[in-house]
Amino acid sequence: RMEIELDEAVLKIFATQQPRAQELRIVYATAKIAHHVERMGDAVESLARQLATAELSESRSLLIEMISLVKDLFSRSYAAMFEQDHARIHEIFDFDDAVDDCQREIV
């Protein structure tokens, strides 16, 4: 729901404010980062549910690795956006894939 609201806000900015190229890049990057943050939230919720039911006792090392990857994914997303460190953009995809791999293995 929130992702749809963000997409609608982005479209409203495009339609009503005639943003410049730099502003378009910022709006686009913000939407992409919001998507990653939403996925991280889903992963955290899933892990919390599994921890609450003690389903992860044998996957503790994978859980710790996944938490570390999510932390790195978030910090790289932040750096790419707010510090304009464009080199980190490609790393984001690799970390996202690694988080997905851990989650698949845990599940």
PDB file of N, CA and C in Angstrom:
ATOM      1  N   ARG A   1       0.830  -1.188   0.000  1.00  0.00           N
ATOM      2  CA  ARG A   1       0.000   0.000   0.000  1.00  0.00           C
ATOM      3  C   ARG A   1       0.871   1.246   0.000  1.00  0.00           C
ATOM      4  N   MET A   2       1.891   1.259   0.876  1.00  0.00           N
ATOM      5  CA  MET A   2       2.754   2.443   0.968  1.00  0.00           C
ATOM      6  C   MET A   2       3.579   2.620  -0.306  1.00  0.00           C
ATOM      7  N   GLU A   3       3.976   1.504  -0.925  1.00  0.00           N
ATOM      8  CA  GLU A   3       4.745   1.596  -2.165  1.00  0.00           C
ATOM      9  C   GLU A   3       3.891   2.221  -3.265  1.00  0.00           C
ATOM     10  N   ILE A   4       2.624   1.852  -3.318  1.00  0.00           N
ATOM     11  CA  ILE A   4       1.713   2.434  -4.301  1.00  0.00           C
ATOM     12  C   ILE A   4       1.539   3.928  -4.029  1.00  0.00           C
ATOM     13  N   GLU A   5       1.407   4.296  -2.762  1.00  0.00           N
ATOM     14  CA  GLU A   5       1.284   5.713  -2.408  1.00  0.00           C
ATOM     15  C   GLU A   5       2.533   6.489  -2.824  1.00  0.00           C
ATOM     16  N   LEU A   6       3.712   5.882  -2.628  1.00  0.00           N
ATOM     17  CA  LEU A   6       4.955   6.536  -3.033  1.00  0.00           C
ATOM     18  C   LEU A   6       4.996   6.702  -4.548  1.00  0.00           C
ATOM     19  N   ASP A   7       4.621   5.650  -5.282  1.00  0.00           N
ATOM     20  CA  ASP A   7       4.595   5.749  -6.744  1.00  0.00           C
ATOM     21  C   ASP A   7       3.661   6.862  -7.204  1.00  0.00           C
ATOM     22  N   GLU A   8       2.507   6.969  -6.546  1.00  0.00           N
ATOM     23  CA  GLU A   8       1.564   8.027  -6.912  1.00  0.00           C
ATOM     24  C   GLU A   8       2.141   9.415  -6.614  1.00  0.00           C
ATOM     25  N   ALA A   9       2.842   9.547  -5.498  1.00  0.00           N
ATOM     26  CA  ALA A   9       3.475  10.827  -5.162  1.00  0.00           C
ATOM     27  C   ALA A   9       4.547  11.184  -6.185  1.00  0.00           C
ATOM     28  N   VAL A  10       5.322  10.193  -6.619  1.00  0.00           N
ATOM     29  CA  VAL A  10       6.352  10.430  -7.639  1.00  0.00           C
ATOM     30  C   VAL A  10       5.700  10.902  -8.931  1.00  0.00           C
ATOM     31  N   LEU A  11       4.640  10.221  -9.342  1.00  0.00           N
ATOM     32  CA  LEU A  11       3.945  10.629 -10.577  1.00  0.00           C
ATOM     33  C   LEU A  11       3.373  12.044 -10.460  1.00  0.00           C
ATOM     34  N   LYS A  12       2.883  12.389  -9.278  1.00  0.00           N
ATOM     35  CA  LYS A  12       2.344  13.734  -9.065  1.00  0.00           C
ATOM     36  C   LYS A  12       3.456  14.776  -9.208  1.00  0.00           C
ATOM     37  N   ILE A  13       4.629  14.474  -8.668  1.00  0.00           N
ATOM     38  CA  ILE A  13       5.772  15.388  -8.814  1.00  0.00           C
ATOM     39  C   ILE A  13       6.130  15.547 -10.287  1.00  0.00           C
ATOM     40  N   PHE A  14       6.193  14.434 -11.006  1.00  0.00           N
ATOM     41  CA  PHE A  14       6.520  14.494 -12.430  1.00  0.00           C
ATOM     42  C   PHE A  14       5.495  15.342 -13.185  1.00  0.00           C
ATOM     43  N   ALA A  15       4.228  15.170 -12.857  1.00  0.00           N
ATOM     44  CA  ALA A  15       3.156  15.825 -13.607  1.00  0.00           C
ATOM     45  C   ALA A  15       2.980  17.297 -13.255  1.00  0.00           C
ATOM     46  N   THR A  16       3.273  17.680 -12.030  1.00  0.00           N
ATOM     47  CA  THR A  16       2.915  19.033 -11.599  1.00  0.00           C
ATOM     48  C   THR A  16       4.091  19.981 -11.387  1.00  0.00           C
ATOM     49  N   GLN A  17       5.305  19.463 -11.264  1.00  0.00           N
ATOM     50  CA  GLN A  17       6.399  20.352 -10.878  1.00  0.00           C
ATOM     51  C   GLN A  17       7.498  20.490 -11.927  1.00  0.00           C
ATOM     52  N   GLN A  18       7.395  19.818 -13.039  1.00  0.00           N
ATOM     53  CA  GLN A  18       8.397  19.883 -14.093  1.00  0.00           C
ATOM     54  C   GLN A  18       9.823  19.804 -13.540  1.00  0.00           C
ATOM     55  N   PRO A  19      10.160  18.683 -12.907  1.00  0.00           N
ATOM     56  CA  PRO A  19      11.487  18.570 -12.296  1.00  0.00           C
ATOM     57  C   PRO A  19      12.610  18.535 -13.336  1.00  0.00           C
ATOM     58  N   ARG A  20      13.781  19.005 -12.918  1.00  0.00           N
ATOM     59  CA  ARG A  20      14.978  18.947 -13.757  1.00  0.00           C
ATOM     60  C   ARG A  20      15.558  17.536 -13.706  1.00  0.00           C
ATOM     61  N   ALA A  21      16.554  17.281 -14.533  1.00  0.00           N
ATOM     62  CA  ALA A  21      17.150  15.939 -14.629  1.00  0.00           C
ATOM     63  C   ALA A  21      17.694  15.464 -13.283  1.00  0.00           C
ATOM     64  N   GLN A  22      18.408  16.330 -12.565  1.00  0.00           N
ATOM     65  CA  GLN A  22      18.959  15.947 -11.260  1.00  0.00           C
ATOM     66  C   GLN A  22      17.836  15.588 -10.293  1.00  0.00           C
ATOM     67  N   GLU A  23      16.779  16.372 -10.309  1.00  0.00           N
ATOM     68  CA  GLU A  23      15.647  16.096  -9.429  1.00  0.00           C
ATOM     69  C   GLU A  23      14.964  14.787  -9.809  1.00  0.00           C
ATOM     70  N   LEU A  24      14.862  14.513 -11.105  1.00  0.00           N
ATOM     71  CA  LEU A  24      14.280  13.250 -11.559  1.00  0.00           C
ATOM     72  C   LEU A  24      15.094  12.066 -11.042  1.00  0.00           C
ATOM     73  N   ARG A  25      16.413  12.202 -11.099  1.00  0.00           N
ATOM     74  CA  ARG A  25      17.265  11.120 -10.605  1.00  0.00           C
ATOM     75  C   ARG A  25      17.042  10.897  -9.115  1.00  0.00           C
ATOM     76  N   ILE A  26      16.915  11.968  -8.360  1.00  0.00           N
ATOM     77  CA  ILE A  26      16.698  11.834  -6.916  1.00  0.00           C
ATOM     78  C   ILE A  26      15.354  11.177  -6.633  1.00  0.00           C
ATOM     79  N   VAL A  27      14.318  11.602  -7.329  1.00  0.00           N
ATOM     80  CA  VAL A  27      12.989  11.015  -7.114  1.00  0.00           C
ATOM     81  C   VAL A  27      13.003   9.534  -7.487  1.00  0.00           C
ATOM     82  N   TYR A  28      13.613   9.205  -8.613  1.00  0.00           N
ATOM     83  CA  TYR A  28      13.685   7.808  -9.050  1.00  0.00           C
ATOM     84  C   TYR A  28      14.474   6.968  -8.047  1.00  0.00           C
ATOM     85  N   ALA A  29      15.616   7.472  -7.614  1.00  0.00           N
ATOM     86  CA  ALA A  29      16.433   6.730  -6.643  1.00  0.00           C
ATOM     87  C   ALA A  29      15.680   6.549  -5.326  1.00  0.00           C
ATOM     88  N   THR A  30      14.955   7.569  -4.908  1.00  0.00           N
ATOM     89  CA  THR A  30      14.179   7.467  -3.677  1.00  0.00           C
ATOM     90  C   THR A  30      13.138   6.355  -3.781  1.00  0.00           C
ATOM     91  N   ALA A  31      12.477   6.268  -4.910  1.00  0.00           N
ATOM     92  CA  ALA A  31      11.479   5.209  -5.109  1.00  0.00           C
ATOM     93  C   ALA A  31      12.129   3.833  -5.071  1.00  0.00           C
ATOM     94  N   LYS A  32      13.292   3.701  -5.691  1.00  0.00           N
ATOM     95  CA  LYS A  32      13.990   2.406  -5.691  1.00  0.00           C
ATOM     96  C   LYS A  32      14.449   2.031  -4.284  1.00  0.00           C
ATOM     97  N   ILE A  33      14.990   2.988  -3.563  1.00  0.00           N
ATOM     98  CA  ILE A  33      15.451   2.718  -2.202  1.00  0.00           C
ATOM     99  C   ILE A  33      14.269   2.363  -1.314  1.00  0.00           C
ATOM    100  N   ALA A  34      13.155   3.050  -1.489  1.00  0.00           N
ATOM    101  CA  ALA A  34      11.957   2.739  -0.702  1.00  0.00           C
ATOM    102  C   ALA A  34      11.536   1.292  -0.938  1.00  0.00           C
ATOM    103  N   HIS A  35      11.659   0.831  -2.175  1.00  0.00           N
ATOM    104  CA  HIS A  35      11.325  -0.569  -2.478  1.00  0.00           C
ATOM    105  C   HIS A  35      12.235  -1.519  -1.695  1.00  0.00           C
ATOM    106  N   HIS A  36      13.520  -1.232  -1.668  1.00  0.00           N
ATOM    107  CA  HIS A  36      14.462  -2.084  -0.935  1.00  0.00           C
ATOM    108  C   HIS A  36      14.183  -2.054   0.571  1.00  0.00           C
ATOM    109  N   VAL A  37      13.895  -0.876   1.091  1.00  0.00           N
ATOM    110  CA  VAL A  37      13.599  -0.766   2.522  1.00  0.00           C
ATOM    111  C   VAL A  37      12.340  -1.564   2.859  1.00  0.00           C
ATOM    112  N   GLU A  38      11.350  -1.513   1.982  1.00  0.00           N
ATOM    113  CA  GLU A  38      10.113  -2.276   2.199  1.00  0.00           C
ATOM    114  C   GLU A  38      10.399  -3.780   2.207  1.00  0.00           C
ATOM    115  N   ARG A  39      11.256  -4.229   1.299  1.00  0.00           N
ATOM    116  CA  ARG A  39      11.618  -5.649   1.261  1.00  0.00           C
ATOM    117  C   ARG A  39      12.382  -6.055   2.512  1.00  0.00           C
ATOM    118  N   MET A  40      13.253  -5.164   3.000  1.00  0.00           N
ATOM    119  CA  MET A  40      13.971  -5.462   4.238  1.00  0.00           C
ATOM    120  C   MET A  40      12.993  -5.587   5.396  1.00  0.00           C
ATOM    121  N   GLY A  41      11.996  -4.711   5.424  1.00  0.00           N
ATOM    122  CA  GLY A  41      10.981  -4.799   6.471  1.00  0.00           C
ATOM    123  C   GLY A  41      10.233  -6.118   6.412  1.00  0.00           C
ATOM    124  N   ASP A  42       9.906  -6.572   5.203  1.00  0.00           N
ATOM    125  CA  ASP A  42       9.247  -7.871   5.049  1.00  0.00           C
ATOM    126  C   ASP A  42      10.129  -8.996   5.567  1.00  0.00           C
ATOM    127  N   ALA A  43      11.421  -8.923   5.258  1.00  0.00           N
ATOM    128  CA  ALA A  43      12.343  -9.962   5.718  1.00  0.00           C
ATOM    129  C   ALA A  43      12.448  -9.967   7.235  1.00  0.00           C
ATOM    130  N   VAL A  44      12.526  -8.786   7.834  1.00  0.00           N
ATOM    131  CA  VAL A  44      12.614  -8.693   9.291  1.00  0.00           C
ATOM    132  C   VAL A  44      11.344  -9.250   9.933  1.00  0.00           C
ATOM    133  N   GLU A  45      10.190  -8.919   9.368  1.00  0.00           N
ATOM    134  CA  GLU A  45       8.929  -9.441   9.902  1.00  0.00           C
ATOM    135  C   GLU A  45       8.897 -10.965   9.822  1.00  0.00           C
ATOM    136  N   SER A  46       9.309 -11.506   8.693  1.00  0.00           N
ATOM    137  CA  SER A  46       9.332 -12.962   8.523  1.00  0.00           C
ATOM    138  C   SER A  46      10.268 -13.616   9.535  1.00  0.00           C
ATOM    139  N   LEU A  47      11.455 -13.041   9.704  1.00  0.00           N
ATOM    140  CA  LEU A  47      12.417 -13.590  10.658  1.00  0.00           C
ATOM    141  C   LEU A  47      11.886 -13.500  12.089  1.00  0.00           C
ATOM    142  N   ALA A  48      11.237 -12.401  12.422  1.00  0.00           N
ATOM    143  CA  ALA A  48      10.685 -12.249  13.766  1.00  0.00           C
ATOM    144  C   ALA A  48       9.620 -13.307  14.038  1.00  0.00           C
ATOM    145  N   ARG A  49       8.784 -13.567  13.051  1.00  0.00           N
ATOM    146  CA  ARG A  49       7.754 -14.613  13.217  1.00  0.00           C
ATOM    147  C   ARG A  49       8.403 -15.980  13.424  1.00  0.00           C
ATOM    148  N   GLN A  50       9.438 -16.253  12.637  1.00  0.00           N
ATOM    149  CA  GLN A  50      10.115 -17.541  12.756  1.00  0.00           C
ATOM    150  C   GLN A  50      10.831 -17.662  14.100  1.00  0.00           C
ATOM    151  N   LEU A  51      11.436 -16.580  14.551  1.00  0.00           N
ATOM    152  CA  LEU A  51      12.105 -16.595  15.853  1.00  0.00           C
ATOM    153  C   LEU A  51      11.098 -16.799  16.978  1.00  0.00           C
ATOM    154  N   ALA A  52       9.936 -16.162  16.852  1.00  0.00           N
ATOM    155  CA  ALA A  52       8.906 -16.276  17.884  1.00  0.00           C
ATOM    156  C   ALA A  52       8.407 -17.707  18.024  1.00  0.00           C
ATOM    157  N   THR A  53       8.442 -18.456  16.945  1.00  0.00           N
ATOM    158  CA  THR A  53       7.987 -19.848  16.994  1.00  0.00           C
ATOM    159  C   THR A  53       9.157 -20.824  17.080  1.00  0.00           C
ATOM    160  N   ALA A  54      10.355 -20.304  17.319  1.00  0.00           N
ATOM    161  CA  ALA A  54      11.574 -21.117  17.487  1.00  0.00           C
ATOM    162  C   ALA A  54      11.876 -21.982  16.272  1.00  0.00           C
ATOM    163  N   GLU A  55      11.511 -21.513  15.084  1.00  0.00           N
ATOM    164  CA  GLU A  55      11.780 -22.270  13.868  1.00  0.00           C
ATOM    165  C   GLU A  55      13.206 -22.093  13.355  1.00  0.00           C
ATOM    166  N   LEU A  56      13.945 -21.156  13.914  1.00  0.00           N
ATOM    167  CA  LEU A  56      15.257 -20.833  13.365  1.00  0.00           C
ATOM    168  C   LEU A  56      16.429 -21.311  14.217  1.00  0.00           C
ATOM    169  N   SER A  57      16.188 -22.113  15.206  1.00  0.00           N
ATOM    170  CA  SER A  57      17.278 -22.508  16.100  1.00  0.00           C
ATOM    171  C   SER A  57      18.440 -23.147  15.347  1.00  0.00           C
ATOM    172  N   GLU A  58      18.159 -23.917  14.316  1.00  0.00           N
ATOM    173  CA  GLU A  58      19.244 -24.556  13.571  1.00  0.00           C
ATOM    174  C   GLU A  58      19.800 -23.652  12.466  1.00  0.00           C
ATOM    175  N   SER A  59      19.202 -22.519  12.241  1.00  0.00           N
ATOM    176  CA  SER A  59      19.645 -21.597  11.196  1.00  0.00           C
ATOM    177  C   SER A  59      20.246 -20.316  11.764  1.00  0.00           C
ATOM    178  N   ARG A  60      20.712 -20.374  12.982  1.00  0.00           N
ATOM    179  CA  ARG A  60      21.210 -19.166  13.650  1.00  0.00           C
ATOM    180  C   ARG A  60      22.326 -18.472  12.859  1.00  0.00           C
ATOM    181  N   SER A  61      23.287 -19.232  12.360  1.00  0.00           N
ATOM    182  CA  SER A  61      24.393 -18.599  11.629  1.00  0.00           C
ATOM    183  C   SER A  61      23.904 -17.934  10.342  1.00  0.00           C
ATOM    184  N   LEU A  62      22.936 -18.557   9.665  1.00  0.00           N
ATOM    185  CA  LEU A  62      22.365 -17.943   8.473  1.00  0.00           C
ATOM    186  C   LEU A  62      21.604 -16.669   8.824  1.00  0.00           C
ATOM    187  N   LEU A  63      20.905 -16.698   9.945  1.00  0.00           N
ATOM    188  CA  LEU A  63      20.168 -15.519  10.393  1.00  0.00           C
ATOM    189  C   LEU A  63      21.132 -14.367  10.667  1.00  0.00           C
ATOM    190  N   ILE A  64      22.216 -14.642  11.343  1.00  0.00           N
ATOM    191  CA  ILE A  64      23.201 -13.601  11.635  1.00  0.00           C
ATOM    192  C   ILE A  64      23.801 -13.060  10.342  1.00  0.00           C
ATOM    193  N   GLU A  65      24.092 -13.942   9.396  1.00  0.00           N
ATOM    194  CA  GLU A  65      24.618 -13.493   8.098  1.00  0.00           C
ATOM    195  C   GLU A  65      23.596 -12.618   7.377  1.00  0.00           C
ATOM    196  N   MET A  66      22.343 -13.031   7.414  1.00  0.00           N
ATOM    197  CA  MET A  66      21.296 -12.272   6.743  1.00  0.00           C
ATOM    198  C   MET A  66      21.126 -10.884   7.366  1.00  0.00           C
ATOM    199  N   ILE A  67      21.154 -10.816   8.683  1.00  0.00           N
ATOM    200  CA  ILE A  67      21.042  -9.525   9.361  1.00  0.00           C
ATOM    201  C   ILE A  67      22.201  -8.617   8.964  1.00  0.00           C
ATOM    202  N   SER A  68      23.400  -9.164   8.885  1.00  0.00           N
ATOM    203  CA  SER A  68      24.566  -8.381   8.484  1.00  0.00           C
ATOM    204  C   SER A  68      24.423  -7.878   7.045  1.00  0.00           C
ATOM    205  N   LEU A  69      23.929  -8.753   6.159  1.00  0.00           N
ATOM    206  CA  LEU A  69      23.738  -8.353   4.766  1.00  0.00           C
ATOM    207  C   LEU A  69      22.684  -7.258   4.638  1.00  0.00           C
ATOM    208  N   VAL A  70      21.597  -7.378   5.397  1.00  0.00           N
ATOM    209  CA  VAL A  70      20.546  -6.364   5.353  1.00  0.00           C
ATOM    210  C   VAL A  70      21.086  -5.023   5.842  1.00  0.00           C
ATOM    211  N   LYS A  71      21.887  -5.066   6.900  1.00  0.00           N
ATOM    212  CA  LYS A  71      22.492  -3.834   7.412  1.00  0.00           C
ATOM    213  C   LYS A  71      23.375  -3.191   6.341  1.00  0.00           C
ATOM    214  N   ASP A  72      24.205  -4.000   5.677  1.00  0.00           N
ATOM    215  CA  ASP A  72      25.062  -3.479   4.615  1.00  0.00           C
ATOM    216  C   ASP A  72      24.247  -2.963   3.426  1.00  0.00           C
ATOM    217  N   LEU A  73      23.180  -3.675   3.100  1.00  0.00           N
ATOM    218  CA  LEU A  73      22.317  -3.253   2.005  1.00  0.00           C
ATOM    219  C   LEU A  73      21.718  -1.884   2.302  1.00  0.00           C
ATOM    220  N   PHE A  74      21.256  -1.696   3.519  1.00  0.00           N
ATOM    221  CA  PHE A  74      20.661  -0.417   3.884  1.00  0.00           C
ATOM    222  C   PHE A  74      21.710   0.697   3.861  1.00  0.00           C
ATOM    223  N   SER A  75      22.893   0.441   4.405  1.00  0.00           N
ATOM    224  CA  SER A  75      23.914   1.501   4.441  1.00  0.00           C
ATOM    225  C   SER A  75      24.376   1.871   3.036  1.00  0.00           C
ATOM    226  N   ARG A  76      24.459   0.885   2.138  1.00  0.00           N
ATOM    227  CA  ARG A  76      24.837   1.194   0.760  1.00  0.00           C
ATOM    228  C   ARG A  76      23.731   1.980   0.044  1.00  0.00           C
ATOM    229  N   SER A  77      22.482   1.617   0.306  1.00  0.00           N
ATOM    230  CA  SER A  77      21.368   2.369  -0.276  1.00  0.00           C
ATOM    231  C   SER A  77      21.396   3.805   0.209  1.00  0.00           C
ATOM    232  N   TYR A  78      21.634   3.979   1.488  1.00  0.00           N
ATOM    233  CA  TYR A  78      21.704   5.325   2.066  1.00  0.00           C
ATOM    234  C   TYR A  78      22.844   6.119   1.424  1.00  0.00           C
ATOM    235  N   ALA A  79      24.017   5.489   1.322  1.00  0.00           N
ATOM    236  CA  ALA A  79      25.180   6.180   0.742  1.00  0.00           C
ATOM    237  C   ALA A  79      24.935   6.538  -0.719  1.00  0.00           C
ATOM    238  N   ALA A  80      24.340   5.622  -1.455  1.00  0.00           N
ATOM    239  CA  ALA A  80      24.074   5.889  -2.869  1.00  0.00           C
ATOM    240  C   ALA A  80      23.133   7.073  -3.026  1.00  0.00           C
ATOM    241  N   MET A  81      22.161   7.168  -2.138  1.00  0.00           N
ATOM    242  CA  MET A  81      21.166   8.222  -2.258  1.00  0.00           C
ATOM    243  C   MET A  81      21.641   9.544  -1.673  1.00  0.00           C
ATOM    244  N   PHE A  82      21.960   9.538  -0.406  1.00  0.00           N
ATOM    245  CA  PHE A  82      22.176  10.803   0.297  1.00  0.00           C
ATOM    246  C   PHE A  82      23.612  11.301   0.245  1.00  0.00           C
ATOM    247  N   GLU A  83      24.555  10.410  -0.003  1.00  0.00           N
ATOM    248  CA  GLU A  83      25.945  10.830  -0.145  1.00  0.00           C
ATOM    249  C   GLU A  83      26.357  10.851  -1.617  1.00  0.00           C
ATOM    250  N   GLN A  84      25.417  10.525  -2.481  1.00  0.00           N
ATOM    251  CA  GLN A  84      25.610  10.466  -3.923  1.00  0.00           C
ATOM    252  C   GLN A  84      26.828   9.629  -4.306  1.00  0.00           C
ATOM    253  N   ASP A  85      26.961   8.475  -3.620  1.00  0.00           N
ATOM    254  CA  ASP A  85      28.045   7.539  -3.905  1.00  0.00           C
ATOM    255  C   ASP A  85      27.524   6.528  -4.924  1.00  0.00           C
ATOM    256  N   HIS A  86      27.620   6.896  -6.185  1.00  0.00           N
ATOM    257  CA  HIS A  86      27.025   6.097  -7.252  1.00  0.00           C
ATOM    258  C   HIS A  86      27.710   4.744  -7.445  1.00  0.00           C
ATOM    259  N   ALA A  87      28.931   4.596  -6.962  1.00  0.00           N
ATOM    260  CA  ALA A  87      29.633   3.316  -7.074  1.00  0.00           C
ATOM    261  C   ALA A  87      28.922   2.234  -6.266  1.00  0.00           C
ATOM    262  N   ARG A  88      28.206   2.631  -5.234  1.00  0.00           N
ATOM    263  CA  ARG A  88      27.524   1.654  -4.378  1.00  0.00           C
ATOM    264  C   ARG A  88      26.242   1.108  -4.986  1.00  0.00           C
ATOM    265  N   ILE A  89      25.755   1.720  -6.035  1.00  0.00           N
ATOM    266  CA  ILE A  89      24.489   1.280  -6.629  1.00  0.00           C
ATOM    267  C   ILE A  89      24.582  -0.169  -7.093  1.00  0.00           C
ATOM    268  N   HIS A  90      25.654  -0.536  -7.759  1.00  0.00           N
ATOM    269  CA  HIS A  90      25.784  -1.905  -8.259  1.00  0.00           C
ATOM    270  C   HIS A  90      25.945  -2.901  -7.109  1.00  0.00           C
ATOM    271  N   GLU A  91      26.552  -2.469  -6.015  1.00  0.00           N
ATOM    272  CA  GLU A  91      26.696  -3.342  -4.850  1.00  0.00           C
ATOM    273  C   GLU A  91      25.346  -3.674  -4.238  1.00  0.00           C
ATOM    274  N   ILE A  92      24.407  -2.759  -4.332  1.00  0.00           N
ATOM    275  CA  ILE A  92      23.086  -2.957  -3.746  1.00  0.00           C
ATOM    276  C   ILE A  92      22.428  -4.209  -4.321  1.00  0.00           C
ATOM    277  N   PHE A  93      22.519  -4.385  -5.623  1.00  0.00           N
ATOM    278  CA  PHE A  93      21.896  -5.547  -6.255  1.00  0.00           C
ATOM    279  C   PHE A  93      22.537  -6.844  -5.772  1.00  0.00           C
ATOM    280  N   ASP A  94      23.858  -6.847  -5.621  1.00  0.00           N
ATOM    281  CA  ASP A  94      24.544  -8.045  -5.140  1.00  0.00           C
ATOM    282  C   ASP A  94      24.126  -8.387  -3.710  1.00  0.00           C
ATOM    283  N   PHE A  95      24.046  -7.379  -2.857  1.00  0.00           N
ATOM    284  CA  PHE A  95      23.637  -7.626  -1.471  1.00  0.00           C
ATOM    285  C   PHE A  95      22.175  -8.072  -1.405  1.00  0.00           C
ATOM    286  N   ASP A  96      21.334  -7.505  -2.246  1.00  0.00           N
ATOM    287  CA  ASP A  96      19.936  -7.913  -2.286  1.00  0.00           C
ATOM    288  C   ASP A  96      19.816  -9.386  -2.674  1.00  0.00           C
ATOM    289  N   ASP A  97      20.583  -9.805  -3.670  1.00  0.00           N
ATOM    290  CA  ASP A  97      20.573 -11.214  -4.077  1.00  0.00           C
ATOM    291  C   ASP A  97      21.068 -12.117  -2.951  1.00  0.00           C
ATOM    292  N   ALA A  98      22.093 -11.671  -2.232  1.00  0.00           N
ATOM    293  CA  ALA A  98      22.632 -12.466  -1.125  1.00  0.00           C
ATOM    294  C   ALA A  98      21.609 -12.601  -0.003  1.00  0.00           C
ATOM    295  N   VAL A  99      20.875 -11.527   0.291  1.00  0.00           N
ATOM    296  CA  VAL A  99      19.822 -11.587   1.312  1.00  0.00           C
ATOM    297  C   VAL A  99      18.747 -12.571   0.874  1.00  0.00           C
ATOM    298  N   ASP A 100      18.350 -12.507  -0.397  1.00  0.00           N
ATOM    299  CA  ASP A 100      17.349 -13.441  -0.919  1.00  0.00           C
ATOM    300  C   ASP A 100      17.828 -14.887  -0.792  1.00  0.00           C
ATOM    301  N   ASP A 101      19.095 -15.125  -1.098  1.00  0.00           N
ATOM    302  CA  ASP A 101      19.653 -16.478  -0.986  1.00  0.00           C
ATOM    303  C   ASP A 101      19.581 -16.984   0.451  1.00  0.00           C
ATOM    304  N   CYS A 102      19.951 -16.128   1.398  1.00  0.00           N
ATOM    305  CA  CYS A 102      19.880 -16.526   2.823  1.00  0.00           C
ATOM    306  C   CYS A 102      18.449 -16.829   3.217  1.00  0.00           C
ATOM    307  N   GLN A 103      17.533 -15.983   2.807  1.00  0.00           N
ATOM    308  CA  GLN A 103      16.138 -16.189   3.186  1.00  0.00           C
ATOM    309  C   GLN A 103      15.608 -17.499   2.608  1.00  0.00           C
ATOM    310  N   ARG A 104      15.937 -17.786   1.359  1.00  0.00           N
ATOM    311  CA  ARG A 104      15.510 -19.059   0.755  1.00  0.00           C
ATOM    312  C   ARG A 104      16.079 -20.243   1.520  1.00  0.00           C
ATOM    313  N   GLU A 105      17.338 -20.148   1.905  1.00  0.00           N
ATOM    314  CA  GLU A 105      17.972 -21.251   2.623  1.00  0.00           C
ATOM    315  C   GLU A 105      17.336 -21.439   3.998  1.00  0.00           C
ATOM    316  N   ILE A 106      17.013 -20.341   4.676  1.00  0.00           N
ATOM    317  CA  ILE A 106      16.384 -20.434   5.982  1.00  0.00           C
ATOM    318  C   ILE A 106      14.982 -21.039   5.870  1.00  0.00           C
ATOM    319  N   VAL A 107      14.227 -20.564   4.903  1.00  0.00           N
ATOM    320  CA  VAL A 107      12.857 -21.041   4.744  1.00  0.00           C
ATOM    321  C   VAL A 107      12.876 -22.467   4.241  1.00  0.00           C
TER     322      VAL A 107
END
